[in-house]
Amino acid sequence: MSTMMYERLWQALLDTIAMVGVSALIAFAAGIPLAVFLVLSAPGGLIHAPRLHGILAAVINGFRATPFIVLLVALLPLTRLLTGTTIGVWAAVVPLSISATPFFARIAEVSLREVDGGLIEAAQAIGCRRRHIVRHVLLPEALPSIVGGFTITIVSMIGASAMAGAVGAGGLGDMAIRYGYQRFDTTVMAVVIVVLIAMVCLVQFAGDYAVRRLRAR
């Protein structure tokens, strides 16, 4: 590959990190409250809201069942409304965030459900309010599992960001399609694949390390 191509590869890597990083932060910030509400409002939970629980669960399942490439195209009007464009890094943040949030919310919900019910009953027995139970019991106890689930979410988002390159979202996927596939340059394709694998391995290693540290506390 030429020097110019390496520069484009570096820029594509930065674009991918930006779109995945911002989307991951949005998914985390939105997914945790959704997961907490799903757990609290479930039958036998601390909040009695079965109808709202059912509606929210159905919406989340609907987004999870929709393939990302279909969601990407379906959200083009919303993406244009929010970002003013349908191409580029920031345009990709919208579908990535909307796709990853339900996925992570379900993973976090499973993590929260695994918390020992005895701890919740003990907190209720000493007069803790719901917000205290969530803050001091549910989230701390489930944190290692939530971090592990968030790692899986980021890994899936890296793959989705590469897929978004098919519609001009930028990043490594766009480079692989534009300079590799369309120009029949197998070297570019191979290098992009290696970089994506390295990113996934790095994220997985960091996530596993964080989980081990949290469980050792």
N, C-alpha and C. Protein backbone atom coordinates (compact mmCIF):
# COMPACT_ATOMS: atom_id res chain seq x y z
N MET A 1 0.84 -1.19 0.00
CA MET A 1 0.00 0.00 0.00
C MET A 1 0.88 1.24 0.00
N SER A 2 0.39 2.30 -0.65
CA SER A 2 1.14 3.54 -0.73
C SER A 2 1.01 4.33 0.57
N THR A 3 1.86 5.38 0.68
CA THR A 3 1.81 6.23 1.87
C THR A 3 0.44 6.90 2.00
N MET A 4 -0.11 7.33 0.89
CA MET A 4 -1.44 7.95 0.92
C MET A 4 -2.50 6.99 1.43
N MET A 5 -2.37 5.72 1.04
CA MET A 5 -3.35 4.73 1.48
C MET A 5 -3.24 4.48 2.98
N TYR A 6 -2.00 4.49 3.49
CA TYR A 6 -1.82 4.34 4.94
C TYR A 6 -2.41 5.53 5.70
N GLU A 7 -2.30 6.71 5.13
CA GLU A 7 -2.91 7.89 5.75
C GLU A 7 -4.43 7.75 5.77
N ARG A 8 -4.99 7.25 4.67
CA ARG A 8 -6.43 7.03 4.62
C ARG A 8 -6.85 5.96 5.62
N LEU A 9 -6.01 4.93 5.77
CA LEU A 9 -6.30 3.88 6.74
C LEU A 9 -6.32 4.45 8.15
N TRP A 10 -5.37 5.31 8.47
CA TRP A 10 -5.30 5.93 9.80
C TRP A 10 -6.55 6.79 10.06
N GLN A 11 -6.94 7.56 9.05
CA GLN A 11 -8.13 8.39 9.20
C GLN A 11 -9.39 7.54 9.34
N ALA A 12 -9.44 6.46 8.58
CA ALA A 12 -10.59 5.55 8.68
C ALA A 12 -10.66 4.91 10.07
N LEU A 13 -9.50 4.58 10.63
CA LEU A 13 -9.46 4.02 11.98
C LEU A 13 -9.99 5.02 13.00
N LEU A 14 -9.54 6.28 12.88
CA LEU A 14 -10.01 7.32 13.80
C LEU A 14 -11.51 7.54 13.67
N ASP A 15 -12.01 7.49 12.43
CA ASP A 15 -13.45 7.65 12.21
C ASP A 15 -14.23 6.51 12.86
N THR A 16 -13.73 5.30 12.72
CA THR A 16 -14.40 4.15 13.33
C THR A 16 -14.40 4.25 14.84
N ILE A 17 -13.27 4.65 15.42
CA ILE A 17 -13.19 4.81 16.87
C ILE A 17 -14.17 5.88 17.34
N ALA A 18 -14.27 6.96 16.58
CA ALA A 18 -15.17 8.06 16.95
C ALA A 18 -16.63 7.60 16.93
N MET A 19 -17.04 6.97 15.83
CA MET A 19 -18.45 6.59 15.71
C MET A 19 -18.83 5.50 16.71
N VAL A 20 -17.92 4.54 16.93
CA VAL A 20 -18.21 3.49 17.89
C VAL A 20 -18.17 4.04 19.32
N GLY A 21 -17.19 4.90 19.61
CA GLY A 21 -17.06 5.45 20.95
C GLY A 21 -18.26 6.28 21.36
N VAL A 22 -18.68 7.20 20.49
CA VAL A 22 -19.83 8.04 20.81
C VAL A 22 -21.10 7.20 20.91
N SER A 23 -21.29 6.30 19.98
CA SER A 23 -22.48 5.44 20.00
C SER A 23 -22.50 4.55 21.24
N ALA A 24 -21.34 4.06 21.66
CA ALA A 24 -21.27 3.22 22.85
C ALA A 24 -21.64 4.00 24.10
N LEU A 25 -21.19 5.24 24.20
CA LEU A 25 -21.54 6.07 25.35
C LEU A 25 -23.05 6.32 25.40
N ILE A 26 -23.64 6.59 24.25
CA ILE A 26 -25.08 6.82 24.20
C ILE A 26 -25.83 5.53 24.57
N ALA A 27 -25.38 4.40 24.05
CA ALA A 27 -26.04 3.13 24.34
C ALA A 27 -25.94 2.79 25.83
N PHE A 28 -24.81 3.09 26.44
CA PHE A 28 -24.63 2.82 27.87
C PHE A 28 -25.53 3.72 28.70
N ALA A 29 -25.54 5.03 28.35
CA ALA A 29 -26.33 5.98 29.11
C ALA A 29 -27.83 5.71 28.99
N ALA A 30 -28.28 5.23 27.84
CA ALA A 30 -29.70 4.94 27.65
C ALA A 30 -30.05 3.51 28.05
N GLY A 31 -29.12 2.59 27.88
CA GLY A 31 -29.41 1.18 28.14
C GLY A 31 -29.55 0.84 29.61
N ILE A 32 -28.74 1.47 30.47
CA ILE A 32 -28.81 1.18 31.90
C ILE A 32 -30.18 1.56 32.48
N PRO A 33 -30.67 2.78 32.25
CA PRO A 33 -32.02 3.10 32.77
C PRO A 33 -33.11 2.18 32.24
N LEU A 34 -33.02 1.83 30.95
CA LEU A 34 -34.01 0.91 30.38
C LEU A 34 -33.96 -0.44 31.09
N ALA A 35 -32.75 -0.94 31.31
CA ALA A 35 -32.61 -2.24 31.97
C ALA A 35 -33.13 -2.19 33.40
N VAL A 36 -32.81 -1.11 34.11
CA VAL A 36 -33.29 -0.97 35.49
C VAL A 36 -34.81 -0.94 35.53
N PHE A 37 -35.42 -0.20 34.61
CA PHE A 37 -36.88 -0.11 34.61
C PHE A 37 -37.50 -1.47 34.25
N LEU A 38 -36.91 -2.18 33.30
CA LEU A 38 -37.44 -3.50 32.93
C LEU A 38 -37.41 -4.45 34.12
N VAL A 39 -36.35 -4.38 34.92
CA VAL A 39 -36.25 -5.26 36.08
C VAL A 39 -37.23 -4.85 37.18
N LEU A 40 -37.30 -3.55 37.44
CA LEU A 40 -38.16 -3.08 38.52
C LEU A 40 -39.64 -3.24 38.21
N SER A 41 -40.00 -3.12 36.91
CA SER A 41 -41.41 -3.18 36.53
C SER A 41 -41.86 -4.57 36.12
N ALA A 42 -40.97 -5.54 36.16
CA ALA A 42 -41.33 -6.92 35.82
C ALA A 42 -42.28 -7.47 36.88
N PRO A 43 -43.05 -8.51 36.56
CA PRO A 43 -43.93 -9.12 37.56
C PRO A 43 -43.18 -9.49 38.83
N GLY A 44 -43.65 -9.00 39.97
CA GLY A 44 -42.98 -9.24 41.23
C GLY A 44 -41.89 -8.23 41.53
N GLY A 45 -41.71 -7.23 40.65
CA GLY A 45 -40.69 -6.23 40.86
C GLY A 45 -41.11 -5.15 41.85
N LEU A 46 -40.25 -4.15 42.00
CA LEU A 46 -40.50 -3.09 42.97
C LEU A 46 -41.46 -2.03 42.45
N ILE A 47 -41.71 -2.01 41.14
CA ILE A 47 -42.64 -1.06 40.55
C ILE A 47 -43.76 -1.85 39.86
N HIS A 48 -45.00 -1.48 40.16
CA HIS A 48 -46.14 -2.16 39.53
C HIS A 48 -46.55 -1.38 38.28
N ALA A 49 -46.02 -1.78 37.13
CA ALA A 49 -46.36 -1.13 35.86
C ALA A 49 -46.33 -2.17 34.75
N PRO A 50 -47.21 -3.17 34.81
CA PRO A 50 -47.15 -4.27 33.84
C PRO A 50 -47.40 -3.82 32.41
N ARG A 51 -48.32 -2.88 32.22
CA ARG A 51 -48.63 -2.44 30.87
C ARG A 51 -47.43 -1.71 30.24
N LEU A 52 -46.84 -0.79 31.00
CA LEU A 52 -45.69 -0.06 30.49
C LEU A 52 -44.51 -0.99 30.27
N HIS A 53 -44.37 -1.97 31.17
CA HIS A 53 -43.30 -2.96 31.01
C HIS A 53 -43.48 -3.74 29.71
N GLY A 54 -44.71 -4.16 29.43
CA GLY A 54 -44.97 -4.93 28.22
C GLY A 54 -44.72 -4.12 26.96
N ILE A 55 -45.13 -2.84 26.97
CA ILE A 55 -44.92 -1.99 25.79
C ILE A 55 -43.44 -1.78 25.55
N LEU A 56 -42.70 -1.45 26.61
CA LEU A 56 -41.27 -1.21 26.47
C LEU A 56 -40.54 -2.46 26.01
N ALA A 57 -40.89 -3.59 26.57
CA ALA A 57 -40.26 -4.86 26.18
C ALA A 57 -40.53 -5.18 24.71
N ALA A 58 -41.75 -4.90 24.25
CA ALA A 58 -42.09 -5.16 22.85
C ALA A 58 -41.31 -4.25 21.91
N VAL A 59 -41.15 -2.98 22.28
CA VAL A 59 -40.38 -2.04 21.45
C VAL A 59 -38.93 -2.47 21.38
N ILE A 60 -38.36 -2.85 22.51
CA ILE A 60 -36.96 -3.28 22.54
C ILE A 60 -36.78 -4.53 21.69
N ASN A 61 -37.68 -5.48 21.82
CA ASN A 61 -37.58 -6.70 21.02
C ASN A 61 -37.72 -6.40 19.53
N GLY A 62 -38.56 -5.42 19.19
CA GLY A 62 -38.72 -5.06 17.80
C GLY A 62 -37.44 -4.51 17.19
N PHE A 63 -36.76 -3.64 17.92
CA PHE A 63 -35.50 -3.09 17.42
C PHE A 63 -34.42 -4.16 17.36
N ARG A 64 -34.41 -5.06 18.34
CA ARG A 64 -33.40 -6.12 18.35
C ARG A 64 -33.60 -7.10 17.20
N ALA A 65 -34.86 -7.29 16.80
CA ALA A 65 -35.15 -8.26 15.74
C ALA A 65 -34.88 -7.69 14.35
N THR A 66 -34.71 -6.38 14.25
CA THR A 66 -34.50 -5.76 12.94
C THR A 66 -33.01 -5.81 12.57
N PRO A 67 -32.65 -6.38 11.44
CA PRO A 67 -31.24 -6.41 11.02
C PRO A 67 -30.69 -4.98 10.92
N PHE A 68 -29.42 -4.83 11.26
CA PHE A 68 -28.84 -3.48 11.32
C PHE A 68 -28.89 -2.78 9.98
N ILE A 69 -28.63 -3.49 8.90
CA ILE A 69 -28.60 -2.84 7.59
C ILE A 69 -29.99 -2.32 7.22
N VAL A 70 -31.06 -3.04 7.64
CA VAL A 70 -32.43 -2.59 7.40
C VAL A 70 -32.73 -1.37 8.27
N LEU A 71 -32.31 -1.43 9.53
CA LEU A 71 -32.52 -0.31 10.44
C LEU A 71 -31.77 0.92 9.96
N LEU A 72 -30.59 0.70 9.43
CA LEU A 72 -29.77 1.79 8.93
C LEU A 72 -30.49 2.57 7.84
N VAL A 73 -31.10 1.86 6.92
CA VAL A 73 -31.83 2.50 5.82
C VAL A 73 -33.14 3.11 6.31
N ALA A 74 -33.83 2.41 7.20
CA ALA A 74 -35.12 2.90 7.69
C ALA A 74 -34.99 4.19 8.49
N LEU A 75 -33.84 4.37 9.12
CA LEU A 75 -33.63 5.55 9.97
C LEU A 75 -33.02 6.72 9.22
N LEU A 76 -32.88 6.61 7.91
CA LEU A 76 -32.28 7.71 7.15
C LEU A 76 -33.02 9.04 7.34
N PRO A 77 -34.36 9.07 7.33
CA PRO A 77 -35.03 10.36 7.58
C PRO A 77 -34.71 10.94 8.96
N LEU A 78 -34.70 10.09 9.98
CA LEU A 78 -34.36 10.57 11.32
C LEU A 78 -32.91 11.02 11.39
N THR A 79 -32.04 10.28 10.74
CA THR A 79 -30.63 10.65 10.71
C THR A 79 -30.44 12.02 10.06
N ARG A 80 -31.13 12.24 8.95
CA ARG A 80 -31.04 13.53 8.26
C ARG A 80 -31.59 14.66 9.14
N LEU A 81 -32.66 14.37 9.87
CA LEU A 81 -33.26 15.37 10.75
C LEU A 81 -32.32 15.76 11.89
N LEU A 82 -31.63 14.77 12.45
CA LEU A 82 -30.79 15.03 13.62
C LEU A 82 -29.42 15.58 13.26
N THR A 83 -28.85 15.11 12.16
CA THR A 83 -27.48 15.48 11.82
C THR A 83 -27.37 16.36 10.58
N GLY A 84 -28.46 16.46 9.81
CA GLY A 84 -28.42 17.26 8.59
C GLY A 84 -27.83 16.55 7.40
N THR A 85 -27.46 15.28 7.57
CA THR A 85 -26.87 14.50 6.48
C THR A 85 -27.14 13.03 6.73
N THR A 86 -26.95 12.23 5.69
CA THR A 86 -27.11 10.78 5.83
C THR A 86 -25.81 10.03 5.55
N ILE A 87 -24.73 10.75 5.39
CA ILE A 87 -23.43 10.12 5.17
C ILE A 87 -22.43 10.69 6.16
N GLY A 88 -21.36 9.96 6.36
CA GLY A 88 -20.32 10.44 7.26
C GLY A 88 -20.41 9.80 8.64
N VAL A 89 -19.42 10.12 9.45
CA VAL A 89 -19.29 9.51 10.78
C VAL A 89 -20.47 9.82 11.67
N TRP A 90 -20.84 11.09 11.76
CA TRP A 90 -21.88 11.47 12.71
C TRP A 90 -23.25 10.98 12.28
N ALA A 91 -23.45 10.81 11.00
CA ALA A 91 -24.70 10.22 10.53
C ALA A 91 -24.80 8.76 10.96
N ALA A 92 -23.67 8.08 11.05
CA ALA A 92 -23.68 6.67 11.46
C ALA A 92 -23.95 6.50 12.95
N VAL A 93 -23.69 7.54 13.73
CA VAL A 93 -23.90 7.45 15.18
C VAL A 93 -25.37 7.19 15.51
N VAL A 94 -26.27 7.79 14.75
CA VAL A 94 -27.71 7.66 15.04
C VAL A 94 -28.16 6.20 14.94
N PRO A 95 -28.01 5.52 13.80
CA PRO A 95 -28.46 4.12 13.75
C PRO A 95 -27.65 3.20 14.65
N LEU A 96 -26.37 3.47 14.81
CA LEU A 96 -25.56 2.64 15.70
C LEU A 96 -26.08 2.71 17.13
N SER A 97 -26.37 3.92 17.59
CA SER A 97 -26.87 4.09 18.96
C SER A 97 -28.22 3.43 19.15
N ILE A 98 -29.11 3.64 18.19
CA ILE A 98 -30.46 3.09 18.30
C ILE A 98 -30.44 1.57 18.21
N SER A 99 -29.51 1.02 17.45
CA SER A 99 -29.40 -0.43 17.34
C SER A 99 -28.76 -1.05 18.59
N ALA A 100 -27.75 -0.37 19.14
CA ALA A 100 -27.00 -0.94 20.26
C ALA A 100 -27.73 -0.80 21.59
N THR A 101 -28.52 0.26 21.74
CA THR A 101 -29.18 0.50 23.03
C THR A 101 -30.10 -0.65 23.46
N PRO A 102 -31.03 -1.13 22.62
CA PRO A 102 -31.86 -2.26 23.05
C PRO A 102 -31.04 -3.52 23.31
N PHE A 103 -30.02 -3.74 22.50
CA PHE A 103 -29.16 -4.91 22.68
C PHE A 103 -28.50 -4.88 24.05
N PHE A 104 -27.91 -3.74 24.38
CA PHE A 104 -27.23 -3.63 25.68
C PHE A 104 -28.23 -3.62 26.82
N ALA A 105 -29.40 -3.03 26.62
CA ALA A 105 -30.40 -3.00 27.68
C ALA A 105 -30.81 -4.41 28.08
N ARG A 106 -30.97 -5.29 27.13
CA ARG A 106 -31.34 -6.67 27.44
C ARG A 106 -30.21 -7.39 28.18
N ILE A 107 -28.97 -7.14 27.75
CA ILE A 107 -27.83 -7.77 28.44
C ILE A 107 -27.74 -7.27 29.87
N ALA A 108 -27.88 -5.95 30.07
CA ALA A 108 -27.83 -5.39 31.41
C ALA A 108 -29.00 -5.89 32.26
N GLU A 109 -30.17 -6.07 31.63
CA GLU A 109 -31.33 -6.59 32.36
C GLU A 109 -31.04 -7.98 32.91
N VAL A 110 -30.45 -8.83 32.09
CA VAL A 110 -30.10 -10.18 32.55
C VAL A 110 -29.11 -10.10 33.72
N SER A 111 -28.14 -9.21 33.63
CA SER A 111 -27.16 -9.04 34.70
C SER A 111 -27.83 -8.60 36.00
N LEU A 112 -28.77 -7.67 35.90
CA LEU A 112 -29.47 -7.18 37.10
C LEU A 112 -30.37 -8.26 37.70
N ARG A 113 -30.95 -9.10 36.86
CA ARG A 113 -31.82 -10.16 37.36
C ARG A 113 -31.03 -11.23 38.13
N GLU A 114 -29.74 -11.32 37.86
CA GLU A 114 -28.91 -12.33 38.53
C GLU A 114 -28.51 -11.93 39.94
N VAL A 115 -28.80 -10.69 40.34
CA VAL A 115 -28.47 -10.25 41.70
C VAL A 115 -29.32 -11.04 42.69
N ASP A 116 -28.69 -11.48 43.75
CA ASP A 116 -29.36 -12.29 44.77
C ASP A 116 -30.57 -11.54 45.34
N GLY A 117 -31.73 -12.17 45.25
CA GLY A 117 -32.94 -11.55 45.77
C GLY A 117 -32.89 -11.30 47.27
N GLY A 118 -32.08 -12.10 47.97
CA GLY A 118 -31.95 -11.90 49.40
C GLY A 118 -31.37 -10.54 49.76
N LEU A 119 -30.46 -10.05 48.92
CA LEU A 119 -29.87 -8.73 49.17
C LEU A 119 -30.93 -7.64 49.04
N ILE A 120 -31.81 -7.80 48.05
CA ILE A 120 -32.88 -6.81 47.86
C ILE A 120 -33.85 -6.85 49.03
N GLU A 121 -34.20 -8.05 49.48
CA GLU A 121 -35.12 -8.17 50.61
C GLU A 121 -34.51 -7.60 51.87
N ALA A 122 -33.20 -7.79 52.04
CA ALA A 122 -32.53 -7.23 53.22
C ALA A 122 -32.54 -5.71 53.19
N ALA A 123 -32.32 -5.15 51.98
CA ALA A 123 -32.35 -3.70 51.85
C ALA A 123 -33.74 -3.16 52.12
N GLN A 124 -34.77 -3.86 51.66
CA GLN A 124 -36.15 -3.44 51.94
C GLN A 124 -36.46 -3.53 53.42
N ALA A 125 -35.89 -4.54 54.08
CA ALA A 125 -36.17 -4.74 55.51
C ALA A 125 -35.63 -3.61 56.36
N ILE A 126 -34.55 -2.99 55.94
CA ILE A 126 -33.97 -1.90 56.72
C ILE A 126 -34.50 -0.54 56.26
N GLY A 127 -35.50 -0.56 55.38
CA GLY A 127 -36.16 0.67 55.00
C GLY A 127 -35.57 1.42 53.81
N CYS A 128 -34.77 0.76 52.99
CA CYS A 128 -34.19 1.43 51.82
C CYS A 128 -35.27 1.73 50.78
N ARG A 129 -35.18 2.89 50.17
CA ARG A 129 -36.09 3.23 49.09
C ARG A 129 -35.61 2.60 47.78
N ARG A 130 -36.50 2.66 46.76
CA ARG A 130 -36.17 2.03 45.49
C ARG A 130 -34.87 2.57 44.91
N ARG A 131 -34.71 3.89 44.93
CA ARG A 131 -33.51 4.47 44.32
C ARG A 131 -32.25 4.04 45.07
N HIS A 132 -32.37 3.83 46.39
CA HIS A 132 -31.21 3.37 47.15
C HIS A 132 -30.90 1.91 46.83
N ILE A 133 -31.94 1.12 46.64
CA ILE A 133 -31.73 -0.29 46.28
C ILE A 133 -31.05 -0.39 44.93
N VAL A 134 -31.50 0.43 43.98
CA VAL A 134 -30.89 0.42 42.65
C VAL A 134 -29.44 0.87 42.72
N ARG A 135 -29.19 1.95 43.44
CA ARG A 135 -27.86 2.54 43.46
C ARG A 135 -26.86 1.75 44.30
N HIS A 136 -27.31 1.21 45.41
CA HIS A 136 -26.37 0.59 46.35
C HIS A 136 -26.41 -0.93 46.36
N VAL A 137 -27.40 -1.53 45.70
CA VAL A 137 -27.49 -2.99 45.69
C VAL A 137 -27.44 -3.53 44.27
N LEU A 138 -28.44 -3.19 43.45
CA LEU A 138 -28.54 -3.77 42.12
C LEU A 138 -27.33 -3.46 41.25
N LEU A 139 -27.05 -2.17 41.05
CA LEU A 139 -25.96 -1.80 40.13
C LEU A 139 -24.59 -2.26 40.61
N PRO A 140 -24.21 -2.06 41.89
CA PRO A 140 -22.88 -2.54 42.31
C PRO A 140 -22.71 -4.05 42.19
N GLU A 141 -23.75 -4.81 42.54
CA GLU A 141 -23.65 -6.26 42.49
C GLU A 141 -23.59 -6.78 41.05
N ALA A 142 -24.27 -6.10 40.16
CA ALA A 142 -24.32 -6.55 38.77
C ALA A 142 -23.24 -5.93 37.90
N LEU A 143 -22.44 -5.02 38.46
CA LEU A 143 -21.48 -4.26 37.66
C LEU A 143 -20.51 -5.12 36.86
N PRO A 144 -19.87 -6.14 37.43
CA PRO A 144 -18.95 -6.95 36.61
C PRO A 144 -19.64 -7.57 35.39
N SER A 145 -20.83 -8.11 35.61
CA SER A 145 -21.56 -8.72 34.49
C SER A 145 -21.99 -7.67 33.48
N ILE A 146 -22.36 -6.47 33.96
CA ILE A 146 -22.76 -5.40 33.04
C ILE A 146 -21.57 -4.97 32.18
N VAL A 147 -20.40 -4.86 32.79
CA VAL A 147 -19.19 -4.49 32.03
C VAL A 147 -18.88 -5.54 30.98
N GLY A 148 -19.02 -6.82 31.35
CA GLY A 148 -18.82 -7.88 30.37
C GLY A 148 -19.80 -7.79 29.22
N GLY A 149 -21.06 -7.49 29.54
CA GLY A 149 -22.06 -7.32 28.49
C GLY A 149 -21.80 -6.10 27.62
N PHE A 150 -21.30 -5.04 28.24
CA PHE A 150 -20.98 -3.83 27.48
C PHE A 150 -19.82 -4.09 26.52
N THR A 151 -18.90 -4.93 26.93
CA THR A 151 -17.80 -5.32 26.04
C THR A 151 -18.33 -6.02 24.80
N ILE A 152 -19.25 -6.95 25.01
CA ILE A 152 -19.87 -7.65 23.88
C ILE A 152 -20.59 -6.66 22.97
N THR A 153 -21.25 -5.68 23.57
CA THR A 153 -21.97 -4.67 22.79
C THR A 153 -21.02 -3.87 21.92
N ILE A 154 -19.89 -3.46 22.47
CA ILE A 154 -18.91 -2.68 21.70
C ILE A 154 -18.36 -3.50 20.55
N VAL A 155 -18.08 -4.78 20.80
CA VAL A 155 -17.57 -5.65 19.74
C VAL A 155 -18.58 -5.75 18.60
N SER A 156 -19.85 -5.91 18.94
CA SER A 156 -20.88 -5.98 17.89
C SER A 156 -21.00 -4.65 17.16
N MET A 157 -20.77 -3.55 17.86
CA MET A 157 -20.85 -2.23 17.22
C MET A 157 -19.71 -2.01 16.25
N ILE A 158 -18.56 -2.58 16.52
CA ILE A 158 -17.43 -2.48 15.58
C ILE A 158 -17.81 -3.14 14.26
N GLY A 159 -18.42 -4.32 14.34
CA GLY A 159 -18.88 -4.98 13.13
C GLY A 159 -19.97 -4.20 12.42
N ALA A 160 -20.88 -3.61 13.19
CA ALA A 160 -21.96 -2.82 12.58
C ALA A 160 -21.42 -1.56 11.93
N SER A 161 -20.40 -0.95 12.53
CA SER A 161 -19.81 0.26 11.95
C SER A 161 -19.17 -0.04 10.60
N ALA A 162 -18.57 -1.22 10.49
CA ALA A 162 -17.99 -1.61 9.21
C ALA A 162 -19.09 -1.83 8.17
N MET A 163 -20.23 -2.39 8.62
CA MET A 163 -21.36 -2.59 7.71
C MET A 163 -21.93 -1.24 7.25
N ALA A 164 -21.89 -0.24 8.14
CA ALA A 164 -22.41 1.08 7.80
C ALA A 164 -21.62 1.73 6.67
N GLY A 165 -20.40 1.27 6.46
CA GLY A 165 -19.60 1.80 5.37
C GLY A 165 -20.21 1.55 4.01
N ALA A 166 -21.13 0.58 3.95
CA ALA A 166 -21.79 0.27 2.68
C ALA A 166 -22.67 1.41 2.20
N VAL A 167 -23.08 2.29 3.10
CA VAL A 167 -23.92 3.43 2.71
C VAL A 167 -23.20 4.75 2.95
N GLY A 168 -21.87 4.71 2.92
CA GLY A 168 -21.09 5.94 2.99
C GLY A 168 -20.94 6.52 4.37
N ALA A 169 -20.93 5.67 5.40
CA ALA A 169 -20.81 6.17 6.76
C ALA A 169 -19.38 6.53 7.13
N GLY A 170 -18.43 6.16 6.31
CA GLY A 170 -17.04 6.42 6.63
C GLY A 170 -16.44 5.30 7.48
N GLY A 171 -15.21 5.48 7.88
CA GLY A 171 -14.56 4.48 8.71
C GLY A 171 -13.93 3.35 7.92
N LEU A 172 -13.58 2.29 8.62
CA LEU A 172 -12.88 1.17 8.00
C LEU A 172 -13.75 0.43 7.00
N GLY A 173 -15.04 0.31 7.28
CA GLY A 173 -15.93 -0.36 6.34
C GLY A 173 -16.01 0.36 5.02
N ASP A 174 -16.09 1.68 5.07
CA ASP A 174 -16.14 2.48 3.85
C ASP A 174 -14.85 2.33 3.05
N MET A 175 -13.72 2.30 3.77
CA MET A 175 -12.44 2.15 3.09
C MET A 175 -12.32 0.78 2.43
N ALA A 176 -12.78 -0.26 3.14
CA ALA A 176 -12.71 -1.61 2.58
C ALA A 176 -13.54 -1.72 1.31
N ILE A 177 -14.70 -1.10 1.30
CA ILE A 177 -15.58 -1.18 0.13
C ILE A 177 -15.06 -0.30 -1.01
N ARG A 178 -14.70 0.93 -0.68
CA ARG A 178 -14.33 1.89 -1.72
C ARG A 178 -12.97 1.58 -2.34
N TYR A 179 -11.97 1.30 -1.49
CA TYR A 179 -10.62 1.12 -2.01
C TYR A 179 -10.19 -0.34 -2.11
N GLY A 180 -10.97 -1.23 -1.49
CA GLY A 180 -10.65 -2.64 -1.58
C GLY A 180 -11.54 -3.38 -2.54
N TYR A 181 -12.82 -3.45 -2.22
CA TYR A 181 -13.77 -4.22 -3.03
C TYR A 181 -13.98 -3.62 -4.42
N GLN A 182 -14.28 -2.32 -4.48
CA GLN A 182 -14.60 -1.71 -5.76
C GLN A 182 -13.39 -1.60 -6.68
N ARG A 183 -12.18 -1.56 -6.12
CA ARG A 183 -10.96 -1.46 -6.93
C ARG A 183 -10.23 -2.80 -7.02
N PHE A 184 -10.85 -3.84 -6.48
CA PHE A 184 -10.26 -5.20 -6.54
C PHE A 184 -8.86 -5.22 -5.94
N ASP A 185 -8.68 -4.49 -4.84
CA ASP A 185 -7.39 -4.44 -4.16
C ASP A 185 -7.47 -5.32 -2.91
N THR A 186 -7.00 -6.55 -3.03
CA THR A 186 -7.10 -7.49 -1.91
C THR A 186 -6.20 -7.09 -0.75
N THR A 187 -5.13 -6.34 -1.03
CA THR A 187 -4.24 -5.90 0.05
C THR A 187 -4.97 -4.98 1.01
N VAL A 188 -5.70 -4.01 0.46
CA VAL A 188 -6.46 -3.08 1.30
C VAL A 188 -7.49 -3.85 2.11
N MET A 189 -8.19 -4.78 1.48
CA MET A 189 -9.18 -5.57 2.18
C MET A 189 -8.55 -6.34 3.34
N ALA A 190 -7.41 -6.96 3.08
CA ALA A 190 -6.74 -7.76 4.10
C ALA A 190 -6.29 -6.89 5.27
N VAL A 191 -5.73 -5.72 4.96
CA VAL A 191 -5.24 -4.82 6.02
C VAL A 191 -6.40 -4.33 6.88
N VAL A 192 -7.52 -3.97 6.25
CA VAL A 192 -8.69 -3.51 7.01
C VAL A 192 -9.21 -4.63 7.92
N ILE A 193 -9.25 -5.84 7.41
CA ILE A 193 -9.72 -6.97 8.21
C ILE A 193 -8.81 -7.18 9.42
N VAL A 194 -7.50 -7.08 9.20
CA VAL A 194 -6.54 -7.25 10.30
C VAL A 194 -6.73 -6.16 11.35
N VAL A 195 -6.95 -4.93 10.91
CA VAL A 195 -7.17 -3.82 11.85
C VAL A 195 -8.45 -4.03 12.65
N LEU A 196 -9.51 -4.48 11.99
CA LEU A 196 -10.77 -4.74 12.69
C LEU A 196 -10.61 -5.86 13.72
N ILE A 197 -9.89 -6.91 13.35
CA ILE A 197 -9.64 -8.01 14.29
C ILE A 197 -8.85 -7.51 15.49
N ALA A 198 -7.84 -6.67 15.22
CA ALA A 198 -7.03 -6.12 16.31
C ALA A 198 -7.88 -5.26 17.25
N MET A 199 -8.79 -4.46 16.68
CA MET A 199 -9.68 -3.64 17.50
C MET A 199 -10.55 -4.51 18.40
N VAL A 200 -11.13 -5.55 17.83
CA VAL A 200 -12.00 -6.45 18.60
C VAL A 200 -11.21 -7.12 19.72
N CYS A 201 -10.01 -7.60 19.40
CA CYS A 201 -9.19 -8.26 20.42
C CYS A 201 -8.81 -7.30 21.54
N LEU A 202 -8.49 -6.06 21.19
CA LEU A 202 -8.12 -5.07 22.20
C LEU A 202 -9.30 -4.74 23.11
N VAL A 203 -10.46 -4.55 22.51
CA VAL A 203 -11.66 -4.25 23.31
C VAL A 203 -12.01 -5.43 24.21
N GLN A 204 -11.93 -6.64 23.69
CA GLN A 204 -12.26 -7.81 24.49
C GLN A 204 -11.27 -7.99 25.64
N PHE A 205 -9.98 -7.76 25.37
CA PHE A 205 -8.97 -7.87 26.42
C PHE A 205 -9.22 -6.85 27.52
N ALA A 206 -9.49 -5.60 27.12
CA ALA A 206 -9.74 -4.54 28.10
C ALA A 206 -10.99 -4.85 28.92
N GLY A 207 -12.04 -5.33 28.26
CA GLY A 207 -13.26 -5.67 28.98
C GLY A 207 -13.05 -6.82 29.95
N ASP A 208 -12.36 -7.87 29.53
CA ASP A 208 -12.09 -9.01 30.42
C ASP A 208 -11.24 -8.59 31.61
N TYR A 209 -10.28 -7.73 31.37
CA TYR A 209 -9.43 -7.24 32.46
C TYR A 209 -10.26 -6.45 33.47
N ALA A 210 -11.14 -5.58 32.98
CA ALA A 210 -11.99 -4.79 33.87
C ALA A 210 -12.90 -5.68 34.70
N VAL A 211 -13.46 -6.71 34.07
CA VAL A 211 -14.34 -7.64 34.81
C VAL A 211 -13.56 -8.35 35.90
N ARG A 212 -12.36 -8.81 35.60
CA ARG A 212 -11.55 -9.49 36.62
C ARG A 212 -11.24 -8.57 37.78
N ARG A 213 -10.91 -7.32 37.51
CA ARG A 213 -10.61 -6.37 38.57
C ARG A 213 -11.84 -6.08 39.43
N LEU A 214 -12.99 -5.95 38.80
CA LEU A 214 -14.21 -5.68 39.56
C LEU A 214 -14.60 -6.86 40.45
N ARG A 215 -14.43 -8.07 39.94
CA ARG A 215 -14.80 -9.25 40.74
C ARG A 215 -13.81 -9.52 41.86
N ALA A 216 -12.59 -8.99 41.73
CA ALA A 216 -11.58 -9.19 42.75
C ALA A 216 -11.72 -8.20 43.91
N ARG A 217 -12.56 -7.19 43.73
CA ARG A 217 -12.74 -6.18 44.79
C ARG A 217 -13.48 -6.74 45.98
